[in-house]
Each structure stands twice: as C-alpha cells, then as structure tokens.
Amino acid sequence: MKKIFSFLFLLMQIYVFSQTENSENQQFIAGIDPDTVYLNKFGDVIKNTTVDFAKYRVISKNPNEVGGQIIRIYYKSGAMYSEQFLCRETLPNNPTKHKNVFCGIYREWHENGKLKTQASYLDNKYYGEFSTYWPNGVKKRIDIYDEGKVVEGTCFDSIGKKIEYFKYDIRPQFPGGDSELSRFISKHMKYPVEAQEKGLQGKVKVQFTVKKNGEICDIVVLKSPGIELENESLRIISLMPNWTPCSIDGEIIDSQYTLTLGFNLTQEFKTVNRNSF
C-alpha cells in the first residue's frame, strides 16, 4: 500500500520560569485583564477562583511613565514574587500607534523576602547584568546579556564559591532531542481510517506536563480538527518515554509543553475509498 498521507509536527515549549511567563506577557502587552487575577503554578490564569492557586497578579498604571504599567505578582501568602515594568513606545513607521514593551529593572524575590533575580530590559530584551541569588542572599549567578543573548556568565554555590557554569533555563526535552522526537512520531503515527474517510486534516495542538522525574501526565488537547485525529495524537504521546525535565537556575521543576502534530491528506487519497485498506 502506498503512503497516502503526510504529517508534520511543530514544537513549542511553554516551560514556566518566573521572568518570562510568555503566554501571560502577551496578555499584558495587549492590555488584557487589568484586574487582579489568580495563577496556577505554570503562570496560567485560573478563571474559576474556587480552584486552588499558586500566585496572583495585579496590574496598575505606572505614575512615572505615560501609558506605562507595573505588573506585580504575589505569592499566595501575599509576599511579593516579581515586579516588571511596561513602557509605551510609538511605532517608528506609524506615530499614531503605540506598543508596550518591557523596560527598566525586573526583580523577583524569594518568599522569605530576599532578592531572587534582578535584570534590566532595553528594547524589550535583556541587556547588561542578569543576576540571581540563593535564599540566603548569596549571589548565585551573573550573566551578561547583549541584544538579549548571554555573552558571559559565572555561577556560584550557596557560600559564594565559583562553580562550573550552567545555563539558566533548560527546556524539557524528548530523549535525544527534537530529531529523535521527529523519528518517534514518524514511527508511531497512523492516520486514522475514519479521519481519511471524512477528509479530516489539519493541526492537533496538545499540551502536557513534564514532571520533575520526566514522566508525562495531564495530557489535554487544545485544538483539533476532529476527534479521530485528536485520539491519534493522544495515543502517540501516551507511548512516549520519560523526557529530560525542565530546570531553571539549576532547579528541576514541573513544566508544560505544547506539541502540535499536523495531518495532511494527499490528493491521491481523496479519490480512494475505504475498501482500499
């Protein structure tokens, strides 16, 4: 039997580490959700306030910046977790329109009140010194950024002794990396006959949690063109081995990962009936 379908997959990581929280930052920039909202451990907004939350977020106007905002996130206890500033910039090619960009000093605190992270933004990118600290106040790392990229870095242990450098953020990864993930999907994907009959094709976006021990759990479908393709995507992910977990500043954490699988019928299949299988 000829291969009568093709597929693709796209990778996106939404692993949570405190100074980015990418999906939420897009809401900040758009000016959405200006009131106090509650967040889960991944930084996602919890719409049902009866659900237990990890932190909460408050957005307020910046009195020192026209059109600016201050984004503050608090631990459940009420202690400050982070503070970040948005500045209003005029678009260079259209002076009548503006955009909000990260600017100034970004800070995080440990729940004991001691500084955890401090960094600076310029043109929506990190620049200069990016520092983190142990809960006892001792500096943990000094990274130097230029145009949003690390050009120099030093790490220290909890008593201030210089140690081997390690990256601040390491995303969760399939064993062997993205190329092995591609091979795994190629090997295990089976285009459902029912989906072929119905002419179903398109992208299935699936989100799951990679636990500290590498296990995959809490698999949910975010978007799908049909139940048949949805079930096939879930089946493939359920077969996956343990992943390398995410780590932030040397701490292994639970993280969320979004994987998009694409199903594409060829024109040849569209003229073939079920009895061909």
C-alpha atoms as a PDB file:
ATOM      1  CA  MET A   1       0.000   0.000   0.000  1.00  0.00           C
ATOM      2  CA  LYS A   2       1.337   3.389  -0.941  1.00  0.00           C
ATOM      3  CA  LYS A   3       1.836   6.037   1.645  1.00  0.00           C
ATOM      4  CA  ILE A   4      -1.121   8.324   1.038  1.00  0.00           C
ATOM      5  CA  PHE A   5      -0.703  10.924   3.726  1.00  0.00           C
ATOM      6  CA  SER A   6       1.931  13.186   5.113  1.00  0.00           C
ATOM      7  CA  PHE A   7       2.350  14.796   8.505  1.00  0.00           C
ATOM      8  CA  LEU A   8       4.372  17.429  10.210  1.00  0.00           C
ATOM      9  CA  PHE A   9       4.899  18.426  13.776  1.00  0.00           C
ATOM     10  CA  LEU A  10       5.749  21.754  15.319  1.00  0.00           C
ATOM     11  CA  LEU A  11       7.394  22.182  18.679  1.00  0.00           C
ATOM     12  CA  MET A  12       6.693  24.869  21.235  1.00  0.00           C
ATOM     13  CA  GLN A  13       7.755  24.893  24.834  1.00  0.00           C
ATOM     14  CA  ILE A  14       5.809  26.712  27.494  1.00  0.00           C
ATOM     15  CA  TYR A  15       8.015  25.829  30.370  1.00  0.00           C
ATOM     16  CA  VAL A  16       7.455  28.143  33.247  1.00  0.00           C
ATOM     17  CA  PHE A  17      10.208  30.252  34.673  1.00  0.00           C
ATOM     18  CA  SER A  18       9.457  33.345  36.527  1.00  0.00           C
ATOM     19  CA  GLN A  19      10.760  36.207  34.473  1.00  0.00           C
ATOM     20  CA  THR A  20       9.093  35.314  31.184  1.00  0.00           C
ATOM     21  CA  GLU A  21       5.725  33.598  31.556  1.00  0.00           C
ATOM     22  CA  ASN A  22       5.314  34.043  27.819  1.00  0.00           C
ATOM     23  CA  SER A  23       1.605  33.451  27.336  1.00  0.00           C
ATOM     24  CA  GLU A  24       0.765  35.851  30.119  1.00  0.00           C
ATOM     25  CA  ASN A  25       3.147  38.506  28.837  1.00  0.00           C
ATOM     26  CA  GLN A  26       1.202  38.604  25.604  1.00  0.00           C
ATOM     27  CA  GLN A  27      -1.899  39.431  27.611  1.00  0.00           C
ATOM     28  CA  PHE A  28      -0.043  42.183  29.456  1.00  0.00           C
ATOM     29  CA  ILE A  29       1.131  43.747  26.216  1.00  0.00           C
ATOM     30  CA  ALA A  30      -2.337  43.624  24.732  1.00  0.00           C
ATOM     31  CA  GLY A  31      -3.677  45.353  27.816  1.00  0.00           C
ATOM     32  CA  ILE A  32      -5.999  42.477  28.603  1.00  0.00           C
ATOM     33  CA  ASP A  33      -7.187  41.537  32.032  1.00  0.00           C
ATOM     34  CA  PRO A  34      -6.208  44.630  34.054  1.00  0.00           C
ATOM     35  CA  ASP A  35      -7.734  43.466  37.347  1.00  0.00           C
ATOM     36  CA  THR A  36      -6.321  41.073  39.913  1.00  0.00           C
ATOM     37  CA  VAL A  37      -6.189  37.520  38.565  1.00  0.00           C
ATOM     38  CA  TYR A  38      -5.162  34.208  40.078  1.00  0.00           C
ATOM     39  CA  LEU A  39      -2.486  31.988  38.568  1.00  0.00           C
ATOM     40  CA  ASN A  40      -1.601  28.314  38.754  1.00  0.00           C
ATOM     41  CA  LYS A  41       1.971  27.086  39.216  1.00  0.00           C
ATOM     42  CA  PHE A  42       2.621  27.467  35.484  1.00  0.00           C
ATOM     43  CA  GLY A  43       1.542  31.108  35.431  1.00  0.00           C
ATOM     44  CA  ASP A  44      -1.748  30.417  33.649  1.00  0.00           C
ATOM     45  CA  VAL A  45      -4.808  32.412  34.652  1.00  0.00           C
ATOM     46  CA  ILE A  46      -7.340  30.434  36.681  1.00  0.00           C
ATOM     47  CA  LYS A  47     -10.792  31.572  35.605  1.00  0.00           C
ATOM     48  CA  ASN A  48     -12.533  29.598  38.332  1.00  0.00           C
ATOM     49  CA  THR A  49     -11.491  31.369  41.539  1.00  0.00           C
ATOM     50  CA  THR A  50     -12.641  28.422  43.650  1.00  0.00           C
ATOM     51  CA  VAL A  51      -9.699  26.413  42.282  1.00  0.00           C
ATOM     52  CA  ASP A  52      -6.549  26.483  44.393  1.00  0.00           C
ATOM     53  CA  PHE A  53      -3.987  28.967  43.089  1.00  0.00           C
ATOM     54  CA  ALA A  54      -0.221  29.407  43.416  1.00  0.00           C
ATOM     55  CA  LYS A  55       0.140  33.167  42.899  1.00  0.00           C
ATOM     56  CA  TYR A  56      -1.905  36.203  41.949  1.00  0.00           C
ATOM     57  CA  ARG A  57      -1.192  39.127  39.672  1.00  0.00           C
ATOM     58  CA  VAL A  58      -2.028  42.813  39.843  1.00  0.00           C
ATOM     59  CA  ILE A  59      -1.510  45.288  37.002  1.00  0.00           C
ATOM     60  CA  SER A  60      -1.500  49.009  37.747  1.00  0.00           C
ATOM     61  CA  LYS A  61      -0.639  52.244  35.975  1.00  0.00           C
ATOM     62  CA  ASN A  62       2.908  53.494  36.273  1.00  0.00           C
ATOM     63  CA  PRO A  63       2.703  57.059  37.613  1.00  0.00           C
ATOM     64  CA  ASN A  64       6.204  57.790  36.288  1.00  0.00           C
ATOM     65  CA  GLU A  65       5.590  56.628  32.721  1.00  0.00           C
ATOM     66  CA  VAL A  66       2.867  57.902  30.380  1.00  0.00           C
ATOM     67  CA  GLY A  67       0.884  54.874  29.249  1.00  0.00           C
ATOM     68  CA  GLY A  68       3.137  52.578  31.264  1.00  0.00           C
ATOM     69  CA  GLN A  69       2.132  49.708  33.510  1.00  0.00           C
ATOM     70  CA  ILE A  70       3.548  47.924  36.534  1.00  0.00           C
ATOM     71  CA  ILE A  71       2.992  44.163  36.700  1.00  0.00           C
ATOM     72  CA  ARG A  72       3.291  42.699  40.171  1.00  0.00           C
ATOM     73  CA  ILE A  73       2.891  39.033  41.014  1.00  0.00           C
ATOM     74  CA  TYR A  74       2.474  37.838  44.599  1.00  0.00           C
ATOM     75  CA  TYR A  75       2.896  34.515  46.332  1.00  0.00           C
ATOM     76  CA  LYS A  76      -0.259  33.017  47.793  1.00  0.00           C
ATOM     77  CA  SER A  77       0.981  34.221  51.179  1.00  0.00           C
ATOM     78  CA  GLY A  78       0.871  37.822  49.953  1.00  0.00           C
ATOM     79  CA  ALA A  79       4.647  38.235  49.742  1.00  0.00           C
ATOM     80  CA  MET A  80       5.939  39.892  46.578  1.00  0.00           C
ATOM     81  CA  TYR A  81       7.118  37.449  43.906  1.00  0.00           C
ATOM     82  CA  SER A  82       8.014  39.717  40.980  1.00  0.00           C
ATOM     83  CA  GLU A  83       7.793  43.248  39.626  1.00  0.00           C
ATOM     84  CA  GLN A  84       8.044  44.182  35.968  1.00  0.00           C
ATOM     85  CA  PHE A  85       7.521  47.390  34.000  1.00  0.00           C
ATOM     86  CA  LEU A  86       5.923  48.044  30.643  1.00  0.00           C
ATOM     87  CA  CYS A  87       6.651  51.229  28.721  1.00  0.00           C
ATOM     88  CA  ARG A  88       4.641  52.707  25.888  1.00  0.00           C
ATOM     89  CA  GLU A  89       6.555  53.190  22.639  1.00  0.00           C
ATOM     90  CA  THR A  90       5.495  54.863  19.426  1.00  0.00           C
ATOM     91  CA  LEU A  91       5.782  52.699  16.335  1.00  0.00           C
ATOM     92  CA  PRO A  92       8.568  54.100  14.141  1.00  0.00           C
ATOM     93  CA  ASN A  93       6.566  53.844  10.919  1.00  0.00           C
ATOM     94  CA  ASN A  94       3.258  54.996  12.379  1.00  0.00           C
ATOM     95  CA  PRO A  95       3.389  57.752  15.023  1.00  0.00           C
ATOM     96  CA  THR A  96      -0.330  57.385  15.692  1.00  0.00           C
ATOM     97  CA  LYS A  97       0.077  53.851  17.037  1.00  0.00           C
ATOM     98  CA  HIS A  98       1.895  52.522  20.083  1.00  0.00           C
ATOM     99  CA  LYS A  99       3.070  49.279  21.619  1.00  0.00           C
ATOM    100  CA  ASN A 100       4.008  48.236  25.129  1.00  0.00           C
ATOM    101  CA  VAL A 101       7.486  46.810  25.696  1.00  0.00           C
ATOM    102  CA  PHE A 102       9.316  45.511  28.743  1.00  0.00           C
ATOM    103  CA  CYS A 103      11.610  48.143  30.144  1.00  0.00           C
ATOM    104  CA  GLY A 104      13.634  49.085  33.207  1.00  0.00           C
ATOM    105  CA  ILE A 105      14.513  46.753  36.073  1.00  0.00           C
ATOM    106  CA  TYR A 106      12.893  43.364  36.529  1.00  0.00           C
ATOM    107  CA  ARG A 107      13.018  41.802  40.010  1.00  0.00           C
ATOM    108  CA  GLU A 108      11.970  38.594  41.713  1.00  0.00           C
ATOM    109  CA  TRP A 109      12.010  37.724  45.391  1.00  0.00           C
ATOM    110  CA  HIS A 110      12.188  34.521  47.370  1.00  0.00           C
ATOM    111  CA  GLU A 111       9.197  34.013  49.627  1.00  0.00           C
ATOM    112  CA  ASN A 112      11.410  34.902  52.604  1.00  0.00           C
ATOM    113  CA  GLY A 113      11.685  38.418  51.145  1.00  0.00           C
ATOM    114  CA  LYS A 114      15.263  38.185  49.894  1.00  0.00           C
ATOM    115  CA  LEU A 115      16.045  39.168  46.306  1.00  0.00           C
ATOM    116  CA  LYS A 116      15.999  36.217  43.906  1.00  0.00           C
ATOM    117  CA  THR A 117      16.541  37.745  40.439  1.00  0.00           C
ATOM    118  CA  GLN A 118      17.409  41.145  39.037  1.00  0.00           C
ATOM    119  CA  ALA A 119      17.731  42.038  35.359  1.00  0.00           C
ATOM    120  CA  SER A 120      17.401  45.002  33.010  1.00  0.00           C
ATOM    121  CA  TYR A 121      15.438  45.407  29.790  1.00  0.00           C
ATOM    122  CA  LEU A 122      16.291  47.525  26.761  1.00  0.00           C
ATOM    123  CA  ASP A 123      14.093  47.463  23.654  1.00  0.00           C
ATOM    124  CA  ASN A 124      12.177  44.508  25.056  1.00  0.00           C
ATOM    125  CA  LYS A 125      15.367  42.432  25.517  1.00  0.00           C
ATOM    126  CA  TYR A 126      17.678  41.681  28.407  1.00  0.00           C
ATOM    127  CA  TYR A 127      20.816  43.766  28.480  1.00  0.00           C
ATOM    128  CA  GLY A 128      23.695  44.098  30.866  1.00  0.00           C
ATOM    129  CA  GLU A 129      23.829  42.095  34.092  1.00  0.00           C
ATOM    130  CA  PHE A 130      21.317  39.372  34.887  1.00  0.00           C
ATOM    131  CA  SER A 131      21.828  38.201  38.482  1.00  0.00           C
ATOM    132  CA  THR A 132      20.205  35.569  40.650  1.00  0.00           C
ATOM    133  CA  TYR A 133      20.598  34.887  44.380  1.00  0.00           C
ATOM    134  CA  TRP A 134      20.325  31.986  46.789  1.00  0.00           C
ATOM    135  CA  PRO A 135      17.637  32.231  49.518  1.00  0.00           C
ATOM    136  CA  ASN A 136      20.402  33.218  51.987  1.00  0.00           C
ATOM    137  CA  GLY A 137      21.182  36.295  49.895  1.00  0.00           C
ATOM    138  CA  VAL A 138      24.432  34.999  48.359  1.00  0.00           C
ATOM    139  CA  LYS A 139      24.757  35.669  44.636  1.00  0.00           C
ATOM    140  CA  LYS A 140      24.097  32.545  42.567  1.00  0.00           C
ATOM    141  CA  ARG A 141      24.875  33.714  39.028  1.00  0.00           C
ATOM    142  CA  ILE A 142      25.970  36.690  36.973  1.00  0.00           C
ATOM    143  CA  ASP A 143      25.076  36.529  33.289  1.00  0.00           C
ATOM    144  CA  ILE A 144      25.957  39.366  30.933  1.00  0.00           C
ATOM    145  CA  TYR A 145      23.485  39.961  28.119  1.00  0.00           C
ATOM    146  CA  ASP A 146      23.890  41.758  24.814  1.00  0.00           C
ATOM    147  CA  GLU A 147      20.925  42.055  22.446  1.00  0.00           C
ATOM    148  CA  GLY A 148      19.023  39.502  24.512  1.00  0.00           C
ATOM    149  CA  LYS A 149      21.761  36.843  24.398  1.00  0.00           C
ATOM    150  CA  VAL A 150      24.177  35.669  27.072  1.00  0.00           C
ATOM    151  CA  VAL A 151      27.761  36.577  26.172  1.00  0.00           C
ATOM    152  CA  GLU A 152      29.395  35.819  29.518  1.00  0.00           C
ATOM    153  CA  GLY A 153      28.361  34.016  32.685  1.00  0.00           C
ATOM    154  CA  THR A 154      29.550  32.899  36.114  1.00  0.00           C
ATOM    155  CA  CYS A 155      27.848  30.694  38.717  1.00  0.00           C
ATOM    156  CA  PHE A 156      28.422  30.352  42.474  1.00  0.00           C
ATOM    157  CA  ASP A 157      27.422  27.942  45.218  1.00  0.00           C
ATOM    158  CA  SER A 158      25.435  28.953  48.283  1.00  0.00           C
ATOM    159  CA  ILE A 159      28.551  30.154  50.134  1.00  0.00           C
ATOM    160  CA  GLY A 160      29.795  32.245  47.220  1.00  0.00           C
ATOM    161  CA  LYS A 161      32.386  29.857  45.771  1.00  0.00           C
ATOM    162  CA  LYS A 162      32.692  29.899  41.977  1.00  0.00           C
ATOM    163  CA  ILE A 163      31.449  26.683  40.359  1.00  0.00           C
ATOM    164  CA  GLU A 164      31.077  25.290  36.838  1.00  0.00           C
ATOM    165  CA  TYR A 165      28.736  27.408  34.753  1.00  0.00           C
ATOM    166  CA  PHE A 166      25.273  26.082  33.902  1.00  0.00           C
ATOM    167  CA  LYS A 167      22.535  27.578  31.744  1.00  0.00           C
ATOM    168  CA  TYR A 168      19.775  29.482  33.493  1.00  0.00           C
ATOM    169  CA  ASP A 169      16.940  27.788  31.659  1.00  0.00           C
ATOM    170  CA  ILE A 170      16.947  24.297  30.166  1.00  0.00           C
ATOM    171  CA  ARG A 171      13.752  23.344  28.421  1.00  0.00           C
ATOM    172  CA  PRO A 172      12.129  19.928  28.746  1.00  0.00           C
ATOM    173  CA  GLN A 173      13.361  17.610  26.022  1.00  0.00           C
ATOM    174  CA  PHE A 174      12.498  14.295  24.423  1.00  0.00           C
ATOM    175  CA  PRO A 175      15.373  11.774  24.797  1.00  0.00           C
ATOM    176  CA  GLY A 176      17.869  12.558  22.043  1.00  0.00           C
ATOM    177  CA  GLY A 177      16.331  15.913  21.203  1.00  0.00           C
ATOM    178  CA  ASP A 178      13.953  17.158  18.534  1.00  0.00           C
ATOM    179  CA  SER A 179      15.343  14.913  15.791  1.00  0.00           C
ATOM    180  CA  GLU A 180      14.589  11.811  17.873  1.00  0.00           C
ATOM    181  CA  LEU A 181      11.144  13.183  18.665  1.00  0.00           C
ATOM    182  CA  SER A 182      10.541  13.530  14.927  1.00  0.00           C
ATOM    183  CA  ARG A 183      11.608   9.929  14.339  1.00  0.00           C
ATOM    184  CA  PHE A 184       9.420   8.709  17.186  1.00  0.00           C
ATOM    185  CA  ILE A 185       6.356  10.419  15.744  1.00  0.00           C
ATOM    186  CA  SER A 186       7.156   9.130  12.227  1.00  0.00           C
ATOM    187  CA  LYS A 187       7.417   5.598  13.554  1.00  0.00           C
ATOM    188  CA  HIS A 188       4.227   5.575  15.602  1.00  0.00           C
ATOM    189  CA  MET A 189       1.810   7.813  13.704  1.00  0.00           C
ATOM    190  CA  LYS A 190      -1.071   6.053  11.943  1.00  0.00           C
ATOM    191  CA  TYR A 191      -3.518   8.210  10.032  1.00  0.00           C
ATOM    192  CA  PRO A 192      -6.952   7.032  11.275  1.00  0.00           C
ATOM    193  CA  VAL A 193      -9.038   5.465   8.516  1.00  0.00           C
ATOM    194  CA  GLU A 194     -12.156   7.239   9.765  1.00  0.00           C
ATOM    195  CA  ALA A 195     -10.390  10.575   9.517  1.00  0.00           C
ATOM    196  CA  GLN A 196      -9.279   9.755   5.982  1.00  0.00           C
ATOM    197  CA  GLU A 197     -12.836   8.839   5.010  1.00  0.00           C
ATOM    198  CA  LYS A 198     -14.113  12.144   6.327  1.00  0.00           C
ATOM    199  CA  GLY A 199     -11.312  14.072   4.670  1.00  0.00           C
ATOM    200  CA  LEU A 200     -10.115  15.349   8.042  1.00  0.00           C
ATOM    201  CA  GLN A 201      -6.742  17.047   8.084  1.00  0.00           C
ATOM    202  CA  GLY A 202      -5.050  19.867   9.927  1.00  0.00           C
ATOM    203  CA  LYS A 203      -3.198  20.503  13.150  1.00  0.00           C
ATOM    204  CA  VAL A 204      -3.776  18.998  16.574  1.00  0.00           C
ATOM    205  CA  LYS A 205      -2.336  21.032  19.414  1.00  0.00           C
ATOM    206  CA  VAL A 206      -1.690  19.009  22.556  1.00  0.00           C
ATOM    207  CA  GLN A 207      -0.396  20.207  25.914  1.00  0.00           C
ATOM    208  CA  PHE A 208       1.084  18.055  28.648  1.00  0.00           C
ATOM    209  CA  THR A 209       3.089  18.307  31.831  1.00  0.00           C
ATOM    210  CA  VAL A 210       6.644  17.020  32.065  1.00  0.00           C
ATOM    211  CA  LYS A 211       7.129  16.187  35.731  1.00  0.00           C
ATOM    212  CA  LYS A 212      10.358  16.543  37.684  1.00  0.00           C
ATOM    213  CA  ASN A 213      11.075  12.846  37.164  1.00  0.00           C
ATOM    214  CA  GLY A 214      10.483  13.151  33.407  1.00  0.00           C
ATOM    215  CA  GLU A 215       7.080  11.477  33.360  1.00  0.00           C
ATOM    216  CA  ILE A 216       4.391  12.864  31.071  1.00  0.00           C
ATOM    217  CA  CYS A 217       0.964  13.499  32.565  1.00  0.00           C
ATOM    218  CA  ASP A 218      -2.094  15.780  32.324  1.00  0.00           C
ATOM    219  CA  ILE A 219      -2.340  15.419  28.536  1.00  0.00           C
ATOM    220  CA  VAL A 220      -5.019  17.684  27.076  1.00  0.00           C
ATOM    221  CA  VAL A 221      -5.989  18.657  23.530  1.00  0.00           C
ATOM    222  CA  LEU A 222      -6.123  22.409  22.989  1.00  0.00           C
ATOM    223  CA  LYS A 223      -7.172  22.374  19.341  1.00  0.00           C
ATOM    224  CA  SER A 224      -8.183  19.682  16.885  1.00  0.00           C
ATOM    225  CA  PRO A 225      -9.990  19.399  13.539  1.00  0.00           C
ATOM    226  CA  GLY A 226     -11.673  16.174  14.630  1.00  0.00           C
ATOM    227  CA  ILE A 227     -11.938  13.528  17.335  1.00  0.00           C
ATOM    228  CA  GLU A 228     -10.169  10.885  15.234  1.00  0.00           C
ATOM    229  CA  LEU A 229      -7.022  12.963  14.826  1.00  0.00           C
ATOM    230  CA  GLU A 230      -7.290  14.052  18.440  1.00  0.00           C
ATOM    231  CA  ASN A 231      -7.326  10.453  19.676  1.00  0.00           C
ATOM    232  CA  GLU A 232      -4.378   9.505  17.456  1.00  0.00           C
ATOM    233  CA  SER A 233      -2.330  12.387  18.824  1.00  0.00           C
ATOM    234  CA  LEU A 234      -3.134  11.371  22.395  1.00  0.00           C
ATOM    235  CA  ARG A 235      -2.173   7.779  21.611  1.00  0.00           C
ATOM    236  CA  ILE A 236       1.230   8.796  20.271  1.00  0.00           C
ATOM    237  CA  ILE A 237       2.033  10.986  23.269  1.00  0.00           C
ATOM    238  CA  SER A 238       0.936   8.275  25.696  1.00  0.00           C
ATOM    239  CA  LEU A 239       3.587   5.989  24.148  1.00  0.00           C
ATOM    240  CA  MET A 240       6.455   8.397  24.768  1.00  0.00           C
ATOM    241  CA  PRO A 241       9.259   7.529  27.196  1.00  0.00           C
ATOM    242  CA  ASN A 242      10.240   9.826  30.038  1.00  0.00           C
ATOM    243  CA  TRP A 243      11.635  13.216  29.000  1.00  0.00           C
ATOM    244  CA  THR A 244      14.536  15.208  30.370  1.00  0.00           C
ATOM    245  CA  PRO A 245      12.751  17.633  32.710  1.00  0.00           C
ATOM    246  CA  CYS A 246      12.983  21.403  32.705  1.00  0.00           C
ATOM    247  CA  SER A 247      15.402  23.169  35.012  1.00  0.00           C
ATOM    248  CA  ILE A 248      15.502  26.833  35.974  1.00  0.00           C
ATOM    249  CA  ASP A 249      18.688  28.178  37.513  1.00  0.00           C
ATOM    250  CA  GLY A 250      19.698  24.642  38.448  1.00  0.00           C
ATOM    251  CA  GLU A 251      16.351  23.692  39.996  1.00  0.00           C
ATOM    252  CA  ILE A 252      14.405  20.877  38.313  1.00  0.00           C
ATOM    253  CA  ILE A 253      10.730  21.797  38.016  1.00  0.00           C
ATOM    254  CA  ASP A 254       7.449  20.560  36.585  1.00  0.00           C
ATOM    255  CA  SER A 255       6.783  22.232  33.245  1.00  0.00           C
ATOM    256  CA  GLN A 256       4.208  22.413  30.499  1.00  0.00           C
ATOM    257  CA  TYR A 257       4.969  21.575  26.894  1.00  0.00           C
ATOM    258  CA  THR A 258       2.857  22.104  23.805  1.00  0.00           C
ATOM    259  CA  LEU A 259       3.265  19.829  20.805  1.00  0.00           C
ATOM    260  CA  THR A 260       1.463  20.453  17.516  1.00  0.00           C
ATOM    261  CA  LEU A 261       1.003  17.492  15.183  1.00  0.00           C
ATOM    262  CA  GLY A 262      -0.104  18.097  11.619  1.00  0.00           C
ATOM    263  CA  PHE A 263      -2.122  15.649   9.500  1.00  0.00           C
ATOM    264  CA  ASN A 264      -2.260  16.282   5.758  1.00  0.00           C
ATOM    265  CA  LEU A 265      -4.123  14.130   3.234  1.00  0.00           C
ATOM    266  CA  THR A 266      -2.694  13.925  -0.261  1.00  0.00           C
ATOM    267  CA  GLN A 267      -4.851  14.456  -3.317  1.00  0.00           C
ATOM    268  CA  GLU A 268      -4.322  10.778  -4.171  1.00  0.00           C
ATOM    269  CA  PHE A 269      -6.126   9.625  -1.054  1.00  0.00           C
ATOM    270  CA  LYS A 270      -9.138  11.796  -1.706  1.00  0.00           C
ATOM    271  CA  THR A 271     -10.055   9.534  -4.630  1.00  0.00           C
ATOM    272  CA  VAL A 272      -9.593   6.268  -2.728  1.00  0.00           C
ATOM    273  CA  ASN A 273     -12.408   4.618  -0.779  1.00  0.00           C
ATOM    274  CA  ARG A 274     -12.217   2.672   2.443  1.00  0.00           C
ATOM    275  CA  ASN A 275     -12.085  -0.686   0.697  1.00  0.00           C
ATOM    276  CA  SER A 276      -8.574   0.142  -0.477  1.00  0.00           C
ATOM    277  CA  PHE A 277      -7.258  -0.561   3.005  1.00  0.00           C
END
